[in-house]
């Protein structure tokens, strides 16, 4: 249950328990303050019952929400709880939805991929009708890769890169900057990202890895090799890790993880299918949430 909530909210384990504590403290504090206020107002068991109900409703509708935001701020979770409150107010029709931010300049994403591009296609589809985010460039290191066909079908410009210039040169920064790229997503991109690109896009490059890092990461751990290693080790669960990119393979700070169980009958191929389902479900949503958090 806890893992499902983490996946639904798009948070890591530590953040989940902090949020859990905030909800607990808010419930306790609201009960104590409600008891104090009703006593101060002289409301008790013999009081006119509608007044008691009104006092409790006010505390639940107004007091609880304010206390929740206060504890969220004190424990470093303001962004999560402010988003939570805004969604609640939008559902109640008190404020207008801000799902689209037409007045803002759209965030332009470059997707880096080396192979068939199924994750890239899923990301393109997710953001297809958005005015605030657009996939403006597909970067690929392999001529003839399937992702280039996907880009052509979706009328997205492509950039075919060579290793020497990417690794030891300017990492194609001029082309990326000229295209107005704001954010980079690695979706099955197999080359190590050079420091020049990391410095050009600090905290704006993310990757998805088909295992629960820090296990089964590093140089040479990609695709089927990861699933084979996980099965061979007799692991009971695997999953995906979405993380920021630094100068080392699969080493950047974790943004999000999602889990799946491994059955005794699973093979590397069947595990790969489970991992793909997690990738398709969570990767675009996590990109969306991260971009929203960075533009607030």
Protein backbone atom coordinates (compact mmCIF):
# COMPACT_ATOMS: atom_id res chain seq x y z
CA UNK A 1 0.00 0.00 0.00
CA UNK A 2 2.78 2.43 0.92
CA UNK A 3 4.62 1.81 -2.35
CA UNK A 4 1.43 2.39 -4.31
CA UNK A 5 0.95 5.75 -2.60
CA UNK A 6 4.56 6.70 -3.33
CA UNK A 7 4.01 5.90 -6.98
CA UNK A 8 0.69 7.78 -7.10
CA UNK A 9 2.14 10.89 -5.45
CA UNK A 10 5.46 10.70 -7.31
CA UNK A 11 7.65 10.85 -4.20
CA UNK A 12 10.52 8.91 -2.68
CA UNK A 13 10.44 6.86 0.55
CA UNK A 14 11.82 9.54 2.86
CA UNK A 15 9.43 12.17 1.53
CA UNK A 16 6.52 9.76 1.95
CA UNK A 17 7.16 9.33 5.67
CA UNK A 18 7.59 13.07 6.19
CA UNK A 19 4.25 13.65 4.45
CA UNK A 20 2.69 10.87 6.55
CA UNK A 21 3.93 12.66 9.70
CA UNK A 22 2.50 15.98 8.47
CA UNK A 23 -0.95 14.43 8.04
CA UNK A 24 -0.72 12.84 11.49
CA UNK A 25 0.36 16.05 13.23
CA UNK A 26 -2.36 17.98 11.41
CA UNK A 27 -5.08 15.59 12.55
CA UNK A 28 -3.94 15.70 16.18
CA UNK A 29 -3.51 19.47 16.21
CA UNK A 30 -6.90 20.06 14.57
CA UNK A 31 -8.63 17.89 17.19
CA UNK A 32 -6.93 19.73 20.06
CA UNK A 33 -7.67 23.20 18.65
CA UNK A 34 -11.28 22.26 17.85
CA UNK A 35 -11.78 21.10 21.45
CA UNK A 36 -10.26 24.34 22.75
CA UNK A 37 -12.34 26.56 20.47
CA UNK A 38 -15.63 24.80 21.23
CA UNK A 39 -14.85 25.11 24.93
CA UNK A 40 -13.97 28.79 24.54
CA UNK A 41 -17.28 29.35 22.73
CA UNK A 42 -19.11 27.56 25.53
CA UNK A 43 -20.26 24.74 23.28
CA UNK A 44 -20.78 21.39 24.94
CA UNK A 45 -22.98 18.31 25.03
CA UNK A 46 -26.04 20.38 25.96
CA UNK A 47 -25.43 23.08 23.34
CA UNK A 48 -27.61 23.66 20.30
CA UNK A 49 -26.24 20.87 18.04
CA UNK A 50 -26.17 22.86 14.75
CA UNK A 51 -23.64 25.24 16.33
CA UNK A 52 -21.41 22.31 17.23
CA UNK A 53 -21.59 20.95 13.68
CA UNK A 54 -20.88 24.41 12.24
CA UNK A 55 -17.81 24.84 14.45
CA UNK A 56 -16.44 21.46 13.41
CA UNK A 57 -17.11 22.13 9.71
CA UNK A 58 -15.25 25.45 9.92
CA UNK A 59 -12.29 23.73 11.53
CA UNK A 60 -12.25 20.94 8.94
CA UNK A 61 -12.74 23.17 5.91
CA UNK A 62 -10.55 26.06 6.97
CA UNK A 63 -8.54 25.21 10.08
CA UNK A 64 -7.37 21.79 8.95
CA UNK A 65 -6.14 23.10 5.60
CA UNK A 66 -4.22 25.98 7.18
CA UNK A 67 -2.64 23.68 9.76
CA UNK A 68 -1.73 21.20 7.01
CA UNK A 69 0.05 23.89 5.02
CA UNK A 70 1.82 25.14 8.14
CA UNK A 71 3.20 21.72 9.07
CA UNK A 72 4.04 21.07 5.41
CA UNK A 73 6.07 24.27 5.31
CA UNK A 74 7.81 23.57 8.62
CA UNK A 75 8.84 20.07 7.48
CA UNK A 76 9.98 21.16 4.04
CA UNK A 77 7.01 19.84 2.05
CA UNK A 78 5.35 23.11 1.08
CA UNK A 79 5.35 22.32 -2.67
CA UNK A 80 3.59 18.98 -2.19
CA UNK A 81 0.88 20.31 0.14
CA UNK A 82 0.31 23.53 -1.78
CA UNK A 83 -0.28 21.43 -4.90
CA UNK A 84 -2.58 19.21 -2.83
CA UNK A 85 -4.58 22.25 -1.65
CA UNK A 86 -4.80 23.76 -5.13
CA UNK A 87 -6.20 20.51 -6.54
CA UNK A 88 -8.78 20.45 -3.74
CA UNK A 89 -9.82 24.06 -4.39
CA UNK A 90 -10.03 23.36 -8.13
CA UNK A 91 -12.30 20.33 -7.53
CA UNK A 92 -14.54 22.49 -5.32
CA UNK A 93 -14.69 25.11 -8.08
CA UNK A 94 -13.23 27.80 -5.82
CA UNK A 95 -10.28 28.51 -8.13
CA UNK A 96 -9.81 27.89 -11.84
CA UNK A 97 -7.69 25.02 -13.07
CA UNK A 98 -4.14 25.91 -14.11
CA UNK A 99 -3.44 22.75 -16.07
CA UNK A 100 -2.48 24.84 -19.06
CA UNK A 101 -0.38 27.94 -18.74
CA UNK A 102 -0.96 29.60 -22.10
CA UNK A 103 0.58 32.86 -20.98
CA UNK A 104 3.95 31.20 -20.34
CA UNK A 105 6.60 30.42 -22.87
CA UNK A 106 6.44 26.65 -23.51
CA UNK A 107 9.22 24.52 -22.05
CA UNK A 108 11.16 22.91 -24.88
CA UNK A 109 12.41 19.36 -24.31
CA UNK A 110 15.06 17.41 -26.17
CA UNK A 111 14.72 13.64 -25.91
CA UNK A 112 17.94 11.64 -26.29
CA UNK A 113 17.50 8.02 -27.42
CA UNK A 114 19.64 5.32 -29.02
CA UNK A 115 17.18 2.62 -30.07
CA UNK A 116 13.60 1.86 -30.99
CA UNK A 117 12.27 4.83 -29.03
CA UNK A 118 9.21 3.37 -27.31
CA UNK A 119 9.72 5.61 -24.28
CA UNK A 120 10.29 8.60 -26.54
CA UNK A 121 7.05 7.83 -28.40
CA UNK A 122 5.17 7.61 -25.10
CA UNK A 123 6.56 10.97 -23.94
CA UNK A 124 5.71 12.59 -27.28
CA UNK A 125 2.13 11.31 -27.05
CA UNK A 126 1.76 12.48 -23.42
CA UNK A 127 2.72 16.07 -24.26
CA UNK A 128 1.16 16.15 -27.75
CA UNK A 129 -1.70 18.53 -26.94
CA UNK A 130 0.04 20.68 -24.36
CA UNK A 131 0.72 24.37 -24.87
CA UNK A 132 3.12 24.69 -21.92
CA UNK A 133 5.51 21.84 -22.82
CA UNK A 134 6.71 20.62 -26.20
CA UNK A 135 9.10 17.99 -27.53
CA UNK A 136 11.22 20.08 -29.89
CA UNK A 137 14.15 17.82 -30.70
CA UNK A 138 15.07 14.14 -30.87
CA UNK A 139 18.80 13.51 -30.39
CA UNK A 140 20.16 10.15 -31.49
CA UNK A 141 23.61 8.58 -31.77
CA UNK A 142 22.65 5.69 -34.04
CA UNK A 143 21.80 6.13 -37.75
CA UNK A 144 18.69 4.20 -38.69
CA UNK A 145 17.41 3.89 -35.10
CA UNK A 146 13.67 3.49 -34.71
CA UNK A 147 13.39 6.70 -32.71
CA UNK A 148 14.30 8.68 -35.85
CA UNK A 149 11.26 7.22 -37.63
CA UNK A 150 9.10 8.16 -34.66
CA UNK A 151 10.43 11.71 -34.84
CA UNK A 152 9.68 11.89 -38.56
CA UNK A 153 6.11 10.68 -38.07
CA UNK A 154 5.55 13.33 -35.40
CA UNK A 155 7.31 16.05 -37.43
CA UNK A 156 9.92 16.63 -34.74
CA UNK A 157 13.41 17.81 -35.80
CA UNK A 158 16.27 15.39 -35.20
CA UNK A 159 19.96 15.74 -34.43
CA UNK A 160 22.28 12.83 -35.24
CA UNK A 161 25.40 13.09 -33.11
CA UNK A 162 28.93 11.68 -33.32
CA UNK A 163 30.80 10.39 -30.28
CA UNK A 164 34.05 12.34 -30.56
CA UNK A 165 32.37 15.73 -30.65
CA UNK A 166 29.78 14.73 -28.06
CA UNK A 167 32.29 13.29 -25.60
CA UNK A 168 35.40 15.41 -26.15
CA UNK A 169 34.05 18.45 -27.94
CA UNK A 170 31.27 20.92 -27.15
CA UNK A 171 28.63 18.18 -26.64
CA UNK A 172 26.48 19.83 -29.34
CA UNK A 173 25.58 22.62 -26.93
CA UNK A 174 25.35 25.25 -29.73
CA UNK A 175 22.73 23.18 -31.56
CA UNK A 176 20.74 22.58 -28.37
CA UNK A 177 20.84 26.24 -27.36
CA UNK A 178 19.94 27.40 -30.89
CA UNK A 179 16.91 25.10 -30.77
CA UNK A 180 15.87 26.80 -27.51
CA UNK A 181 16.05 23.55 -25.52
CA UNK A 182 15.26 24.07 -21.83
CA UNK A 183 15.32 20.50 -20.56
CA UNK A 184 16.84 17.16 -21.58
CA UNK A 185 15.31 13.72 -21.11
CA UNK A 186 17.36 10.56 -21.66
CA UNK A 187 15.06 7.76 -22.81
CA UNK A 188 17.22 4.76 -23.64
CA UNK A 189 20.33 6.80 -24.48
CA UNK A 190 23.43 4.63 -24.06
CA UNK A 191 26.33 7.08 -24.11
CA UNK A 192 27.75 8.63 -20.97
CA UNK A 193 26.77 12.30 -20.72
CA UNK A 194 29.85 14.57 -20.80
CA UNK A 195 30.51 17.26 -18.23
CA UNK A 196 30.14 19.96 -20.89
CA UNK A 197 26.48 19.06 -21.36
CA UNK A 198 25.86 18.73 -17.61
CA UNK A 199 27.34 22.19 -17.03
CA UNK A 200 25.23 23.57 -19.86
CA UNK A 201 22.03 22.15 -18.34
CA UNK A 202 22.55 21.98 -14.56
CA UNK A 203 19.78 19.95 -12.86
CA UNK A 204 17.92 19.87 -16.16
CA UNK A 205 18.94 16.44 -17.47
CA UNK A 206 17.14 13.33 -16.26
CA UNK A 207 17.39 9.64 -17.07
CA UNK A 208 15.32 6.52 -16.54
CA UNK A 209 17.04 3.28 -15.53
CA UNK A 210 15.32 -0.15 -15.66
CA UNK A 211 16.26 -1.21 -12.12
CA UNK A 212 16.16 0.02 -8.54
CA UNK A 213 19.35 2.03 -8.25
CA UNK A 214 21.90 1.94 -6.74
CA UNK A 215 21.64 -1.77 -7.58
CA UNK A 216 22.28 -2.93 -11.14
CA UNK A 217 23.54 0.39 -12.44
CA UNK A 218 26.78 1.64 -13.91
CA UNK A 219 28.73 1.13 -17.10
CA UNK A 220 27.41 -1.68 -19.28
CA UNK A 221 24.19 -2.09 -17.31
CA UNK A 222 21.43 -1.36 -19.79
CA UNK A 223 18.49 -3.11 -21.42
CA UNK A 224 18.41 -6.89 -21.25
CA UNK A 225 21.72 -7.00 -19.35
CA UNK A 226 20.03 -5.40 -16.35
CA UNK A 227 17.12 -7.85 -16.30
CA UNK A 228 19.44 -10.83 -16.74
CA UNK A 229 21.52 -9.70 -13.76
CA UNK A 230 18.44 -9.13 -11.60
CA UNK A 231 17.00 -12.58 -12.38
CA UNK A 232 20.38 -14.27 -11.88
CA UNK A 233 20.74 -12.67 -8.44
CA UNK A 234 17.39 -14.10 -7.32
CA UNK A 235 15.86 -10.70 -6.53
CA UNK A 236 12.23 -10.64 -5.40
CA UNK A 237 11.48 -7.21 -6.85
CA UNK A 238 12.75 -4.80 -9.45
CA UNK A 239 11.51 -1.54 -10.90
CA UNK A 240 12.52 1.75 -12.43
CA UNK A 241 14.55 4.70 -11.19
CA UNK A 242 14.17 8.21 -12.57
CA UNK A 243 17.13 10.34 -11.59
CA UNK A 244 19.10 13.47 -12.35
CA UNK A 245 22.19 12.96 -14.49
CA UNK A 246 25.71 13.73 -13.32
CA UNK A 247 29.14 12.88 -14.76
CA UNK A 248 28.92 9.23 -13.64
CA UNK A 249 26.76 6.39 -14.96
CA UNK A 250 23.42 6.09 -13.11
CA UNK A 251 24.73 8.10 -10.16
CA UNK A 252 22.62 11.27 -9.99
CA UNK A 253 20.08 12.04 -7.27
CA UNK A 254 16.97 9.87 -7.35
CA UNK A 255 13.72 11.61 -8.29
CA UNK A 256 11.33 8.67 -8.25
CA UNK A 257 11.21 4.87 -8.07
CA UNK A 258 8.42 2.43 -8.88
CA UNK A 259 8.44 -1.27 -8.03
CA UNK A 260 7.25 -4.58 -9.43
CA UNK A 261 7.45 -8.07 -7.99
CA UNK A 262 9.49 -10.83 -9.60
CA UNK A 263 7.77 -14.22 -9.76
CA UNK A 264 9.63 -17.53 -9.72
CA UNK A 265 8.55 -18.08 -13.34
CA UNK A 266 9.81 -14.72 -14.59
CA UNK A 267 12.47 -14.56 -17.28
CA UNK A 268 14.50 -11.53 -18.39
CA UNK A 269 11.95 -11.00 -21.17
CA UNK A 270 8.90 -11.17 -18.91
CA UNK A 271 10.60 -8.90 -16.37
CA UNK A 272 11.41 -6.46 -19.18
CA UNK A 273 7.70 -6.33 -20.03
CA UNK A 274 6.84 -5.44 -16.42
CA UNK A 275 9.52 -2.74 -16.41
CA UNK A 276 8.23 -1.28 -19.67
CA UNK A 277 4.77 -0.99 -18.15
CA UNK A 278 6.22 0.98 -15.24
CA UNK A 279 8.18 3.21 -17.61
CA UNK A 280 5.17 4.01 -19.77
CA UNK A 281 2.98 4.68 -16.73
CA UNK A 282 5.34 6.87 -14.73
CA UNK A 283 8.04 8.49 -16.87
CA UNK A 284 5.92 11.15 -18.64
CA UNK A 285 4.06 11.98 -15.42
CA UNK A 286 7.31 12.43 -13.49
CA UNK A 287 8.71 14.68 -16.22
CA UNK A 288 5.52 16.74 -16.02
CA UNK A 289 5.67 17.03 -12.22
CA UNK A 290 9.35 17.92 -12.24
CA UNK A 291 8.86 20.64 -14.85
CA UNK A 292 5.93 22.05 -12.87
CA UNK A 293 8.02 22.15 -9.69
CA UNK A 294 10.96 23.83 -11.44
CA UNK A 295 8.81 26.56 -13.02
CA UNK A 296 6.99 27.59 -9.81
